[in-house]
Amino acid sequence: MAKIRKQFILDSRKISRAKKVLGAATETETINIALDILLANAEIASLHEQLAGRVKIKNMDQSTFHG
């Protein structure tokens, strides 16, 4: 993975909240984790679009699920 140095002006409250939620040790780690999550969500959304109409679910009754 190639790394580059960037300088951004960001909301410090958002960074602090994200750092705490993600359990990150540094602000850089916070941004990297947040970007990983964003990219994973984009991939999931893409897969959902590809599968739309292809998958048939017979029963979505929540009472049949066991945890």
PDB file of N, CA and C in Angstrom:
ATOM      1  N   MET A   1       0.841  -1.174   0.000  1.00  0.00           N
ATOM      2  CA  MET A   1       0.000   0.000   0.000  1.00  0.00           C
ATOM      3  C   MET A   1       0.890   1.242   0.000  1.00  0.00           C
ATOM      4  N   ALA A   2       0.678   2.061  -1.018  1.00  0.00           N
ATOM      5  CA  ALA A   2       1.432   3.308  -1.099  1.00  0.00           C
ATOM      6  C   ALA A   2       0.835   4.332  -0.146  1.00  0.00           C
ATOM      7  N   LYS A   3       1.684   5.050   0.522  1.00  0.00           N
ATOM      8  CA  LYS A   3       1.215   6.063   1.462  1.00  0.00           C
ATOM      9  C   LYS A   3       1.661   7.431   0.977  1.00  0.00           C
ATOM     10  N   ILE A   4       0.771   8.407   1.164  1.00  0.00           N
ATOM     11  CA  ILE A   4       1.087   9.778   0.812  1.00  0.00           C
ATOM     12  C   ILE A   4       0.718  10.688   1.975  1.00  0.00           C
ATOM     13  N   ARG A   5       1.373  11.810   2.048  1.00  0.00           N
ATOM     14  CA  ARG A   5       1.078  12.787   3.094  1.00  0.00           C
ATOM     15  C   ARG A   5       0.096  13.802   2.514  1.00  0.00           C
ATOM     16  N   LYS A   6      -0.995  14.040   3.240  1.00  0.00           N
ATOM     17  CA  LYS A   6      -2.007  15.010   2.840  1.00  0.00           C
ATOM     18  C   LYS A   6      -2.304  15.927   3.999  1.00  0.00           C
ATOM     19  N   GLN A   7      -2.802  17.097   3.687  1.00  0.00           N
ATOM     20  CA  GLN A   7      -3.193  18.034   4.725  1.00  0.00           C
ATOM     21  C   GLN A   7      -4.631  18.446   4.458  1.00  0.00           C
ATOM     22  N   PHE A   8      -5.511  18.244   5.460  1.00  0.00           N
ATOM     23  CA  PHE A   8      -6.923  18.552   5.333  1.00  0.00           C
ATOM     24  C   PHE A   8      -7.371  19.429   6.485  1.00  0.00           C
ATOM     25  N   ILE A   9      -8.431  20.164   6.248  1.00  0.00           N
ATOM     26  CA  ILE A   9      -9.080  20.905   7.318  1.00  0.00           C
ATOM     27  C   ILE A   9     -10.360  20.138   7.637  1.00  0.00           C
ATOM     28  N   LEU A  10     -10.408  19.522   8.831  1.00  0.00           N
ATOM     29  CA  LEU A  10     -11.515  18.660   9.232  1.00  0.00           C
ATOM     30  C   LEU A  10     -12.118  19.128  10.547  1.00  0.00           C
ATOM     31  N   ASP A  11     -13.354  18.759  10.767  1.00  0.00           N
ATOM     32  CA  ASP A  11     -14.046  19.082  12.010  1.00  0.00           C
ATOM     33  C   ASP A  11     -13.438  18.237  13.132  1.00  0.00           C
ATOM     34  N   SER A  12     -12.798  18.891  14.093  1.00  0.00           N
ATOM     35  CA  SER A  12     -12.105  18.166  15.157  1.00  0.00           C
ATOM     36  C   SER A  12     -13.062  17.342  16.010  1.00  0.00           C
ATOM     37  N   ARG A  13     -14.307  17.809  16.159  1.00  0.00           N
ATOM     38  CA  ARG A  13     -15.288  17.041  16.939  1.00  0.00           C
ATOM     39  C   ARG A  13     -15.634  15.721  16.243  1.00  0.00           C
ATOM     40  N   LYS A  14     -15.760  15.786  14.923  1.00  0.00           N
ATOM     41  CA  LYS A  14     -16.057  14.558  14.166  1.00  0.00           C
ATOM     42  C   LYS A  14     -14.901  13.567  14.273  1.00  0.00           C
ATOM     43  N   ILE A  15     -13.694  14.070  14.157  1.00  0.00           N
ATOM     44  CA  ILE A  15     -12.513  13.202  14.259  1.00  0.00           C
ATOM     45  C   ILE A  15     -12.464  12.563  15.642  1.00  0.00           C
ATOM     46  N   SER A  16     -12.675  13.339  16.678  1.00  0.00           N
ATOM     47  CA  SER A  16     -12.642  12.809  18.050  1.00  0.00           C
ATOM     48  C   SER A  16     -13.725  11.760  18.261  1.00  0.00           C
ATOM     49  N   ARG A  17     -14.937  12.046  17.781  1.00  0.00           N
ATOM     50  CA  ARG A  17     -16.037  11.079  17.930  1.00  0.00           C
ATOM     51  C   ARG A  17     -15.745   9.800  17.162  1.00  0.00           C
ATOM     52  N   ALA A  18     -15.275   9.944  15.917  1.00  0.00           N
ATOM     53  CA  ALA A  18     -14.963   8.773  15.094  1.00  0.00           C
ATOM     54  C   ALA A  18     -13.845   7.952  15.721  1.00  0.00           C
ATOM     55  N   LYS A  19     -12.830   8.622  16.241  1.00  0.00           N
ATOM     56  CA  LYS A  19     -11.705   7.942  16.888  1.00  0.00           C
ATOM     57  C   LYS A  19     -12.202   7.085  18.041  1.00  0.00           C
ATOM     58  N   LYS A  20     -13.090   7.650  18.846  1.00  0.00           N
ATOM     59  CA  LYS A  20     -13.633   6.918  19.991  1.00  0.00           C
ATOM     60  C   LYS A  20     -14.502   5.740  19.530  1.00  0.00           C
ATOM     61  N   VAL A  21     -15.396   5.988  18.576  1.00  0.00           N
ATOM     62  CA  VAL A  21     -16.287   4.937  18.079  1.00  0.00           C
ATOM     63  C   VAL A  21     -15.499   3.782  17.464  1.00  0.00           C
ATOM     64  N   LEU A  22     -14.468   4.118  16.718  1.00  0.00           N
ATOM     65  CA  LEU A  22     -13.677   3.094  16.025  1.00  0.00           C
ATOM     66  C   LEU A  22     -12.612   2.460  16.908  1.00  0.00           C
ATOM     67  N   GLY A  23     -12.335   3.069  18.060  1.00  0.00           N
ATOM     68  CA  GLY A  23     -11.295   2.541  18.936  1.00  0.00           C
ATOM     69  C   GLY A  23      -9.909   2.721  18.351  1.00  0.00           C
ATOM     70  N   ALA A  24      -9.755   3.757  17.553  1.00  0.00           N
ATOM     71  CA  ALA A  24      -8.470   4.012  16.899  1.00  0.00           C
ATOM     72  C   ALA A  24      -7.505   4.700  17.870  1.00  0.00           C
ATOM     73  N   ALA A  25      -6.229   4.444  17.669  1.00  0.00           N
ATOM     74  CA  ALA A  25      -5.207   5.028  18.536  1.00  0.00           C
ATOM     75  C   ALA A  25      -4.801   6.424  18.087  1.00  0.00           C
ATOM     76  N   THR A  26      -4.896   6.686  16.787  1.00  0.00           N
ATOM     77  CA  THR A  26      -4.456   7.979  16.251  1.00  0.00           C
ATOM     78  C   THR A  26      -5.504   8.519  15.280  1.00  0.00           C
ATOM     79  N   GLU A  27      -5.356   9.789  14.949  1.00  0.00           N
ATOM     80  CA  GLU A  27      -6.252  10.387  13.964  1.00  0.00           C
ATOM     81  C   GLU A  27      -6.032   9.764  12.584  1.00  0.00           C
ATOM     82  N   THR A  28      -4.803   9.467  12.255  1.00  0.00           N
ATOM     83  CA  THR A  28      -4.504   8.820  10.972  1.00  0.00           C
ATOM     84  C   THR A  28      -5.177   7.458  10.889  1.00  0.00           C
ATOM     85  N   GLU A  29      -5.082   6.683  11.963  1.00  0.00           N
ATOM     86  CA  GLU A  29      -5.736   5.385  11.994  1.00  0.00           C
ATOM     87  C   GLU A  29      -7.250   5.549  11.864  1.00  0.00           C
ATOM     88  N   THR A  30      -7.789   6.580  12.496  1.00  0.00           N
ATOM     89  CA  THR A  30      -9.220   6.866  12.411  1.00  0.00           C
ATOM     90  C   THR A  30      -9.648   7.075  10.965  1.00  0.00           C
ATOM     91  N   ILE A  31      -8.920   7.904  10.256  1.00  0.00           N
ATOM     92  CA  ILE A  31      -9.253   8.190   8.854  1.00  0.00           C
ATOM     93  C   ILE A  31      -9.113   6.931   8.004  1.00  0.00           C
ATOM     94  N   ASN A  32      -8.047   6.156   8.221  1.00  0.00           N
ATOM     95  CA  ASN A  32      -7.851   4.924   7.447  1.00  0.00           C
ATOM     96  C   ASN A  32      -8.970   3.916   7.683  1.00  0.00           C
ATOM     97  N   ILE A  33      -9.380   3.739   8.930  1.00  0.00           N
ATOM     98  CA  ILE A  33     -10.469   2.806   9.237  1.00  0.00           C
ATOM     99  C   ILE A  33     -11.770   3.306   8.609  1.00  0.00           C
ATOM    100  N   ALA A  34     -12.030   4.608   8.741  1.00  0.00           N
ATOM    101  CA  ALA A  34     -13.252   5.174   8.174  1.00  0.00           C
ATOM    102  C   ALA A  34     -13.288   4.988   6.658  1.00  0.00           C
ATOM    103  N   LEU A  35     -12.158   5.174   5.995  1.00  0.00           N
ATOM    104  CA  LEU A  35     -12.093   4.959   4.543  1.00  0.00           C
ATOM    105  C   LEU A  35     -12.301   3.485   4.200  1.00  0.00           C
ATOM    106  N   ASP A  36     -11.726   2.585   4.992  1.00  0.00           N
ATOM    107  CA  ASP A  36     -11.942   1.145   4.770  1.00  0.00           C
ATOM    108  C   ASP A  36     -13.422   0.792   4.873  1.00  0.00           C
ATOM    109  N   ILE A  37     -14.097   1.357   5.877  1.00  0.00           N
ATOM    110  CA  ILE A  37     -15.527   1.099   6.065  1.00  0.00           C
ATOM    111  C   ILE A  37     -16.327   1.656   4.885  1.00  0.00           C
ATOM    112  N   LEU A  38     -16.001   2.860   4.462  1.00  0.00           N
ATOM    113  CA  LEU A  38     -16.682   3.475   3.329  1.00  0.00           C
ATOM    114  C   LEU A  38     -16.538   2.620   2.071  1.00  0.00           C
ATOM    115  N   LEU A  39     -15.330   2.164   1.794  1.00  0.00           N
ATOM    116  CA  LEU A  39     -15.089   1.352   0.604  1.00  0.00           C
ATOM    117  C   LEU A  39     -15.783  -0.008   0.694  1.00  0.00           C
ATOM    118  N   ALA A  40     -15.798  -0.606   1.883  1.00  0.00           N
ATOM    119  CA  ALA A  40     -16.505  -1.873   2.077  1.00  0.00           C
ATOM    120  C   ALA A  40     -18.002  -1.688   1.855  1.00  0.00           C
ATOM    121  N   ASN A  41     -18.560  -0.595   2.370  1.00  0.00           N
ATOM    122  CA  ASN A  41     -19.984  -0.322   2.175  1.00  0.00           C
ATOM    123  C   ASN A  41     -20.312  -0.114   0.701  1.00  0.00           C
ATOM    124  N   ALA A  42     -19.424   0.553  -0.027  1.00  0.00           N
ATOM    125  CA  ALA A  42     -19.632   0.756  -1.460  1.00  0.00           C
ATOM    126  C   ALA A  42     -19.623  -0.583  -2.190  1.00  0.00           C
ATOM    127  N   GLU A  43     -18.735  -1.486  -1.801  1.00  0.00           N
ATOM    128  CA  GLU A  43     -18.668  -2.817  -2.415  1.00  0.00           C
ATOM    129  C   GLU A  43     -19.940  -3.604  -2.110  1.00  0.00           C
ATOM    130  N   ILE A  44     -20.412  -3.531  -0.881  1.00  0.00           N
ATOM    131  CA  ILE A  44     -21.653  -4.215  -0.497  1.00  0.00           C
ATOM    132  C   ILE A  44     -22.823  -3.666  -1.313  1.00  0.00           C
ATOM    133  N   ALA A  45     -22.906  -2.355  -1.448  1.00  0.00           N
ATOM    134  CA  ALA A  45     -23.988  -1.743  -2.228  1.00  0.00           C
ATOM    135  C   ALA A  45     -23.931  -2.203  -3.680  1.00  0.00           C
ATOM    136  N   SER A  46     -22.745  -2.291  -4.224  1.00  0.00           N
ATOM    137  CA  SER A  46     -22.577  -2.763  -5.597  1.00  0.00           C
ATOM    138  C   SER A  46     -23.039  -4.213  -5.750  1.00  0.00           C
ATOM    139  N   LEU A  47     -22.679  -5.048  -4.789  1.00  0.00           N
ATOM    140  CA  LEU A  47     -23.107  -6.450  -4.820  1.00  0.00           C
ATOM    141  C   LEU A  47     -24.621  -6.565  -4.682  1.00  0.00           C
ATOM    142  N   HIS A  48     -25.219  -5.730  -3.859  1.00  0.00           N
ATOM    143  CA  HIS A  48     -26.678  -5.726  -3.705  1.00  0.00           C
ATOM    144  C   HIS A  48     -27.337  -5.404  -5.035  1.00  0.00           C
ATOM    145  N   GLU A  49     -26.797  -4.402  -5.737  1.00  0.00           N
ATOM    146  CA  GLU A  49     -27.350  -4.021  -7.034  1.00  0.00           C
ATOM    147  C   GLU A  49     -27.222  -5.167  -8.034  1.00  0.00           C
ATOM    148  N   GLN A  50     -26.089  -5.862  -8.026  1.00  0.00           N
ATOM    149  CA  GLN A  50     -25.862  -6.972  -8.950  1.00  0.00           C
ATOM    150  C   GLN A  50     -26.814  -8.129  -8.668  1.00  0.00           C
ATOM    151  N   LEU A  51     -27.151  -8.331  -7.390  1.00  0.00           N
ATOM    152  CA  LEU A  51     -28.010  -9.451  -7.007  1.00  0.00           C
ATOM    153  C   LEU A  51     -29.499  -9.110  -7.044  1.00  0.00           C
ATOM    154  N   ALA A  52     -29.818  -7.852  -7.225  1.00  0.00           N
ATOM    155  CA  ALA A  52     -31.219  -7.429  -7.201  1.00  0.00           C
ATOM    156  C   ALA A  52     -32.040  -8.252  -8.194  1.00  0.00           C
ATOM    157  N   GLY A  53     -33.083  -8.880  -7.675  1.00  0.00           N
ATOM    158  CA  GLY A  53     -33.974  -9.676  -8.512  1.00  0.00           C
ATOM    159  C   GLY A  53     -33.495 -11.087  -8.781  1.00  0.00           C
ATOM    160  N   ARG A  54     -32.269 -11.397  -8.432  1.00  0.00           N
ATOM    161  CA  ARG A  54     -31.724 -12.739  -8.687  1.00  0.00           C
ATOM    162  C   ARG A  54     -31.948 -13.695  -7.526  1.00  0.00           C
ATOM    163  N   VAL A  55     -32.021 -13.153  -6.325  1.00  0.00           N
ATOM    164  CA  VAL A  55     -32.134 -13.989  -5.132  1.00  0.00           C
ATOM    165  C   VAL A  55     -33.576 -13.965  -4.651  1.00  0.00           C
ATOM    166  N   LYS A  56     -34.137 -15.129  -4.467  1.00  0.00           N
ATOM    167  CA  LYS A  56     -35.501 -15.247  -3.963  1.00  0.00           C
ATOM    168  C   LYS A  56     -35.446 -15.736  -2.523  1.00  0.00           C
ATOM    169  N   ILE A  57     -36.055 -14.990  -1.625  1.00  0.00           N
ATOM    170  CA  ILE A  57     -36.103 -15.367  -0.217  1.00  0.00           C
ATOM    171  C   ILE A  57     -37.516 -15.834   0.069  1.00  0.00           C
ATOM    172  N   LYS A  58     -37.640 -17.084   0.485  1.00  0.00           N
ATOM    173  CA  LYS A  58     -38.953 -17.689   0.678  1.00  0.00           C
ATOM    174  C   LYS A  58     -39.658 -17.191   1.925  1.00  0.00           C
ATOM    175  N   ASN A  59     -38.931 -17.041   3.033  1.00  0.00           N
ATOM    176  CA  ASN A  59     -39.583 -16.712   4.289  1.00  0.00           C
ATOM    177  C   ASN A  59     -38.732 -15.707   5.069  1.00  0.00           C
ATOM    178  N   MET A  60     -39.280 -14.513   5.256  1.00  0.00           N
ATOM    179  CA  MET A  60     -38.566 -13.493   6.027  1.00  0.00           C
ATOM    180  C   MET A  60     -39.205 -13.302   7.399  1.00  0.00           C
ATOM    181  N   ASP A  61     -39.951 -14.295   7.858  1.00  0.00           N
ATOM    182  CA  ASP A  61     -40.601 -14.247   9.182  1.00  0.00           C
ATOM    183  C   ASP A  61     -39.519 -14.279  10.241  1.00  0.00           C
ATOM    184  N   GLN A  62     -39.372 -13.197  10.987  1.00  0.00           N
ATOM    185  CA  GLN A  62     -38.325 -13.078  12.004  1.00  0.00           C
ATOM    186  C   GLN A  62     -38.411 -14.164  13.069  1.00  0.00           C
ATOM    187  N   SER A  63     -39.600 -14.692  13.309  1.00  0.00           N
ATOM    188  CA  SER A  63     -39.760 -15.699  14.365  1.00  0.00           C
ATOM    189  C   SER A  63     -39.068 -17.008  14.012  1.00  0.00           C
ATOM    190  N   THR A  64     -38.695 -17.193  12.750  1.00  0.00           N
ATOM    191  CA  THR A  64     -38.046 -18.450  12.358  1.00  0.00           C
ATOM    192  C   THR A  64     -36.528 -18.384  12.530  1.00  0.00           C
ATOM    193  N   PHE A  65     -35.986 -17.197  12.812  1.00  0.00           N
ATOM    194  CA  PHE A  65     -34.552 -17.070  12.993  1.00  0.00           C
ATOM    195  C   PHE A  65     -34.164 -17.405  14.426  1.00  0.00           C
ATOM    196  N   HIS A  66     -33.096 -18.144  14.583  1.00  0.00           N
ATOM    197  CA  HIS A  66     -32.611 -18.515  15.916  1.00  0.00           C
ATOM    198  C   HIS A  66     -31.190 -17.997  16.073  1.00  0.00           C
ATOM    199  N   GLY A  67     -30.891 -17.407  17.201  1.00  0.00           N
ATOM    200  CA  GLY A  67     -29.567 -16.819  17.415  1.00  0.00           C
ATOM    201  C   GLY A  67     -28.691 -17.582  18.230  1.00  0.00           C
TER     202      GLY A  67
END
